[in-house]
Amino acid sequence: MAESVATHLQQDGQLDIAGDRKAFVDSLEQAITGELAIEDRLNAEVRQMLKAYEKEIEQGQVDYQRMFTMIKTKLVRERGIIL
C-alpha cells in the first residue's frame, strides 16, 4: 500500500523523493500501520465499554451498532483523533 501511495504521489508531481526510496516507503508503511493501529485500539476500547450494556443489548433495548458508533464518535471528539 505504501509503495502504491508513493508511486501515485510521484506520478502526480506531489512528491519528490531525494533520498533512498525504500527507506521512504518503509517509513510511510510504518506511519500507515501506526494510524490503523490507533483505530484498532479505539475499536477494542469501545467494545470493552459496551460489555457494560451486554444485558440491554441482548434484550434488544440497546442497538449495539448505534451505541458503538455513538461511543466511538464521542471518544474521537474528546481525544482529538482524526480517522
N, C-alpha and C. Protein backbone atom coordinates (compact mmCIF):
# COMPACT_ATOMS: atom_id res chain seq x y z
N MET A 1 0.82 -1.19 0.00
CA MET A 1 0.00 0.00 0.00
C MET A 1 0.87 1.26 0.00
N ALA A 2 1.87 1.28 0.84
CA ALA A 2 2.75 2.43 0.93
C ALA A 2 3.48 2.64 -0.40
N GLU A 3 3.89 1.57 -1.03
CA GLU A 3 4.56 1.65 -2.33
C GLU A 3 3.63 2.28 -3.36
N SER A 4 2.39 1.86 -3.35
CA SER A 4 1.39 2.39 -4.28
C SER A 4 1.15 3.88 -4.04
N VAL A 5 1.04 4.28 -2.80
CA VAL A 5 0.82 5.69 -2.46
C VAL A 5 2.01 6.52 -2.93
N ALA A 6 3.21 6.06 -2.65
CA ALA A 6 4.41 6.79 -3.06
C ALA A 6 4.48 6.92 -4.58
N THR A 7 4.17 5.86 -5.29
CA THR A 7 4.20 5.88 -6.75
C THR A 7 3.19 6.88 -7.30
N HIS A 8 1.97 6.83 -6.78
CA HIS A 8 0.93 7.76 -7.26
C HIS A 8 1.29 9.21 -6.96
N LEU A 9 1.82 9.48 -5.78
CA LEU A 9 2.20 10.84 -5.43
C LEU A 9 3.33 11.35 -6.32
N GLN A 10 4.27 10.48 -6.62
CA GLN A 10 5.37 10.86 -7.51
C GLN A 10 4.86 11.12 -8.92
N GLN A 11 4.00 10.24 -9.42
CA GLN A 11 3.47 10.39 -10.77
C GLN A 11 2.63 11.66 -10.91
N ASP A 12 1.95 12.05 -9.84
CA ASP A 12 1.13 13.27 -9.86
C ASP A 12 1.96 14.53 -9.62
N GLY A 13 3.26 14.36 -9.37
CA GLY A 13 4.13 15.50 -9.13
C GLY A 13 3.98 16.11 -7.75
N GLN A 14 3.37 15.36 -6.83
CA GLN A 14 3.15 15.87 -5.47
C GLN A 14 4.24 15.44 -4.51
N LEU A 15 5.16 14.61 -4.99
CA LEU A 15 6.20 14.08 -4.12
C LEU A 15 7.49 13.92 -4.91
N ASP A 16 8.58 14.39 -4.32
CA ASP A 16 9.90 14.20 -4.91
C ASP A 16 10.79 13.58 -3.83
N ILE A 17 11.18 12.35 -4.03
CA ILE A 17 11.99 11.64 -3.05
C ILE A 17 13.46 11.90 -3.37
N ALA A 18 14.14 12.59 -2.46
CA ALA A 18 15.54 12.95 -2.68
C ALA A 18 16.49 11.84 -2.24
N GLY A 19 16.10 11.07 -1.26
CA GLY A 19 16.98 10.04 -0.72
C GLY A 19 16.59 8.65 -1.19
N ASP A 20 16.80 7.71 -0.31
CA ASP A 20 16.53 6.30 -0.59
C ASP A 20 15.02 6.06 -0.65
N ARG A 21 14.52 5.60 -1.78
CA ARG A 21 13.08 5.36 -1.96
C ARG A 21 12.58 4.28 -1.00
N LYS A 22 13.36 3.21 -0.84
CA LYS A 22 12.94 2.11 0.03
C LYS A 22 12.78 2.60 1.46
N ALA A 23 13.69 3.42 1.93
CA ALA A 23 13.60 3.95 3.29
C ALA A 23 12.34 4.81 3.44
N PHE A 24 12.04 5.61 2.42
CA PHE A 24 10.83 6.43 2.46
C PHE A 24 9.59 5.56 2.51
N VAL A 25 9.53 4.56 1.64
CA VAL A 25 8.36 3.67 1.58
C VAL A 25 8.21 2.92 2.90
N ASP A 26 9.32 2.48 3.48
CA ASP A 26 9.26 1.80 4.78
C ASP A 26 8.71 2.72 5.87
N SER A 27 9.16 3.97 5.87
CA SER A 27 8.66 4.94 6.86
C SER A 27 7.18 5.23 6.66
N LEU A 28 6.78 5.34 5.41
CA LEU A 28 5.38 5.58 5.10
C LEU A 28 4.53 4.40 5.54
N GLU A 29 5.02 3.20 5.32
CA GLU A 29 4.30 1.99 5.75
C GLU A 29 4.14 1.96 7.26
N GLN A 30 5.17 2.33 7.98
CA GLN A 30 5.09 2.36 9.44
C GLN A 30 4.07 3.40 9.90
N ALA A 31 4.03 4.54 9.24
CA ALA A 31 3.07 5.59 9.59
C ALA A 31 1.64 5.12 9.35
N ILE A 32 1.41 4.49 8.22
CA ILE A 32 0.07 3.98 7.89
C ILE A 32 -0.34 2.91 8.91
N THR A 33 0.56 2.00 9.20
CA THR A 33 0.27 0.93 10.16
C THR A 33 -0.02 1.51 11.55
N GLY A 34 0.73 2.51 11.93
CA GLY A 34 0.50 3.16 13.22
C GLY A 34 -0.86 3.81 13.32
N GLU A 35 -1.27 4.46 12.25
CA GLU A 35 -2.58 5.11 12.23
C GLU A 35 -3.70 4.07 12.29
N LEU A 36 -3.54 2.98 11.58
CA LEU A 36 -4.55 1.92 11.61
C LEU A 36 -4.62 1.28 13.00
N ALA A 37 -3.48 1.17 13.66
CA ALA A 37 -3.44 0.58 14.99
C ALA A 37 -4.19 1.45 16.00
N ILE A 38 -4.13 2.77 15.81
CA ILE A 38 -4.86 3.67 16.70
C ILE A 38 -6.35 3.37 16.64
N GLU A 39 -6.86 3.21 15.42
CA GLU A 39 -8.29 2.93 15.28
C GLU A 39 -8.63 1.54 15.82
N ASP A 40 -7.74 0.57 15.62
CA ASP A 40 -7.98 -0.77 16.16
C ASP A 40 -8.08 -0.74 17.68
N ARG A 41 -7.17 -0.01 18.33
CA ARG A 41 -7.20 0.10 19.79
C ARG A 41 -8.46 0.83 20.26
N LEU A 42 -8.86 1.85 19.53
CA LEU A 42 -10.08 2.58 19.87
C LEU A 42 -11.30 1.66 19.76
N ASN A 43 -11.38 0.88 18.68
CA ASN A 43 -12.49 -0.06 18.50
C ASN A 43 -12.53 -1.08 19.63
N ALA A 44 -11.37 -1.58 20.04
CA ALA A 44 -11.31 -2.54 21.13
C ALA A 44 -11.79 -1.91 22.44
N GLU A 45 -11.42 -0.66 22.65
CA GLU A 45 -11.86 0.04 23.86
C GLU A 45 -13.38 0.23 23.86
N VAL A 46 -13.94 0.57 22.70
CA VAL A 46 -15.39 0.75 22.60
C VAL A 46 -16.10 -0.58 22.86
N ARG A 47 -15.59 -1.67 22.28
CA ARG A 47 -16.19 -2.99 22.52
C ARG A 47 -16.15 -3.34 24.00
N GLN A 48 -15.06 -3.00 24.66
CA GLN A 48 -14.94 -3.26 26.10
C GLN A 48 -15.96 -2.45 26.88
N MET A 49 -16.15 -1.21 26.49
CA MET A 49 -17.12 -0.36 27.18
C MET A 49 -18.55 -0.88 26.97
N LEU A 50 -18.82 -1.44 25.81
CA LEU A 50 -20.16 -1.95 25.52
C LEU A 50 -20.50 -3.21 26.31
N LYS A 51 -19.51 -3.86 26.88
CA LYS A 51 -19.79 -5.03 27.70
C LYS A 51 -20.67 -4.67 28.90
N ALA A 52 -20.61 -3.42 29.32
CA ALA A 52 -21.45 -2.97 30.44
C ALA A 52 -22.92 -2.96 30.05
N TYR A 53 -23.21 -2.93 28.76
CA TYR A 53 -24.59 -2.89 28.27
C TYR A 53 -25.01 -4.22 27.64
N GLU A 54 -24.26 -5.27 27.93
CA GLU A 54 -24.49 -6.57 27.32
C GLU A 54 -25.93 -7.07 27.53
N LYS A 55 -26.43 -6.92 28.73
CA LYS A 55 -27.77 -7.40 29.03
C LYS A 55 -28.82 -6.63 28.22
N GLU A 56 -28.71 -5.31 28.18
CA GLU A 56 -29.65 -4.49 27.43
C GLU A 56 -29.58 -4.79 25.93
N ILE A 57 -28.37 -5.05 25.43
CA ILE A 57 -28.20 -5.36 24.02
C ILE A 57 -28.87 -6.69 23.69
N GLU A 58 -28.66 -7.68 24.54
CA GLU A 58 -29.27 -9.00 24.33
C GLU A 58 -30.79 -8.93 24.38
N GLN A 59 -31.32 -8.06 25.19
CA GLN A 59 -32.77 -7.92 25.33
C GLN A 59 -33.36 -7.02 24.24
N GLY A 60 -32.50 -6.48 23.41
CA GLY A 60 -32.97 -5.62 22.33
C GLY A 60 -33.30 -4.21 22.75
N GLN A 61 -32.95 -3.83 23.98
CA GLN A 61 -33.23 -2.48 24.47
C GLN A 61 -32.23 -1.46 23.93
N VAL A 62 -31.05 -1.96 23.55
CA VAL A 62 -29.99 -1.09 23.04
C VAL A 62 -29.47 -1.69 21.74
N ASP A 63 -29.34 -0.84 20.71
CA ASP A 63 -28.80 -1.29 19.43
C ASP A 63 -27.27 -1.23 19.50
N TYR A 64 -26.63 -2.38 19.36
CA TYR A 64 -25.17 -2.47 19.50
C TYR A 64 -24.45 -1.53 18.54
N GLN A 65 -24.79 -1.59 17.27
CA GLN A 65 -24.08 -0.79 16.27
C GLN A 65 -24.25 0.70 16.51
N ARG A 66 -25.45 1.09 16.87
CA ARG A 66 -25.70 2.51 17.14
C ARG A 66 -24.90 2.98 18.35
N MET A 67 -24.90 2.19 19.42
CA MET A 67 -24.13 2.54 20.61
C MET A 67 -22.63 2.57 20.31
N PHE A 68 -22.17 1.59 19.53
CA PHE A 68 -20.76 1.53 19.15
C PHE A 68 -20.36 2.83 18.45
N THR A 69 -21.16 3.23 17.48
CA THR A 69 -20.87 4.45 16.72
C THR A 69 -20.91 5.68 17.61
N MET A 70 -21.89 5.76 18.49
CA MET A 70 -22.02 6.91 19.38
C MET A 70 -20.82 7.03 20.32
N ILE A 71 -20.44 5.91 20.92
CA ILE A 71 -19.31 5.93 21.86
C ILE A 71 -18.02 6.25 21.13
N LYS A 72 -17.82 5.63 19.98
CA LYS A 72 -16.60 5.87 19.21
C LYS A 72 -16.51 7.34 18.79
N THR A 73 -17.61 7.89 18.32
CA THR A 73 -17.63 9.29 17.91
C THR A 73 -17.30 10.20 19.08
N LYS A 74 -17.85 9.89 20.24
CA LYS A 74 -17.58 10.69 21.44
C LYS A 74 -16.11 10.63 21.82
N LEU A 75 -15.52 9.44 21.82
CA LEU A 75 -14.11 9.29 22.18
C LEU A 75 -13.21 9.99 21.17
N VAL A 76 -13.54 9.88 19.91
CA VAL A 76 -12.75 10.54 18.86
C VAL A 76 -12.76 12.05 19.08
N ARG A 77 -13.93 12.60 19.34
CA ARG A 77 -14.06 14.03 19.58
C ARG A 77 -13.29 14.46 20.83
N GLU A 78 -13.46 13.71 21.91
CA GLU A 78 -12.80 14.06 23.18
C GLU A 78 -11.28 14.00 23.07
N ARG A 79 -10.78 13.05 22.33
CA ARG A 79 -9.34 12.84 22.23
C ARG A 79 -8.70 13.53 21.04
N GLY A 80 -9.50 14.14 20.21
CA GLY A 80 -8.95 14.84 19.05
C GLY A 80 -8.32 13.92 18.03
N ILE A 81 -8.87 12.73 17.91
CA ILE A 81 -8.34 11.74 16.96
C ILE A 81 -8.92 12.02 15.59
N ILE A 82 -8.07 11.95 14.58
CA ILE A 82 -8.51 12.11 13.21
C ILE A 82 -8.49 10.74 12.55
N LEU A 83 -9.66 10.28 12.09
CA LEU A 83 -9.77 8.97 11.44
C LEU A 83 -9.93 9.13 9.95
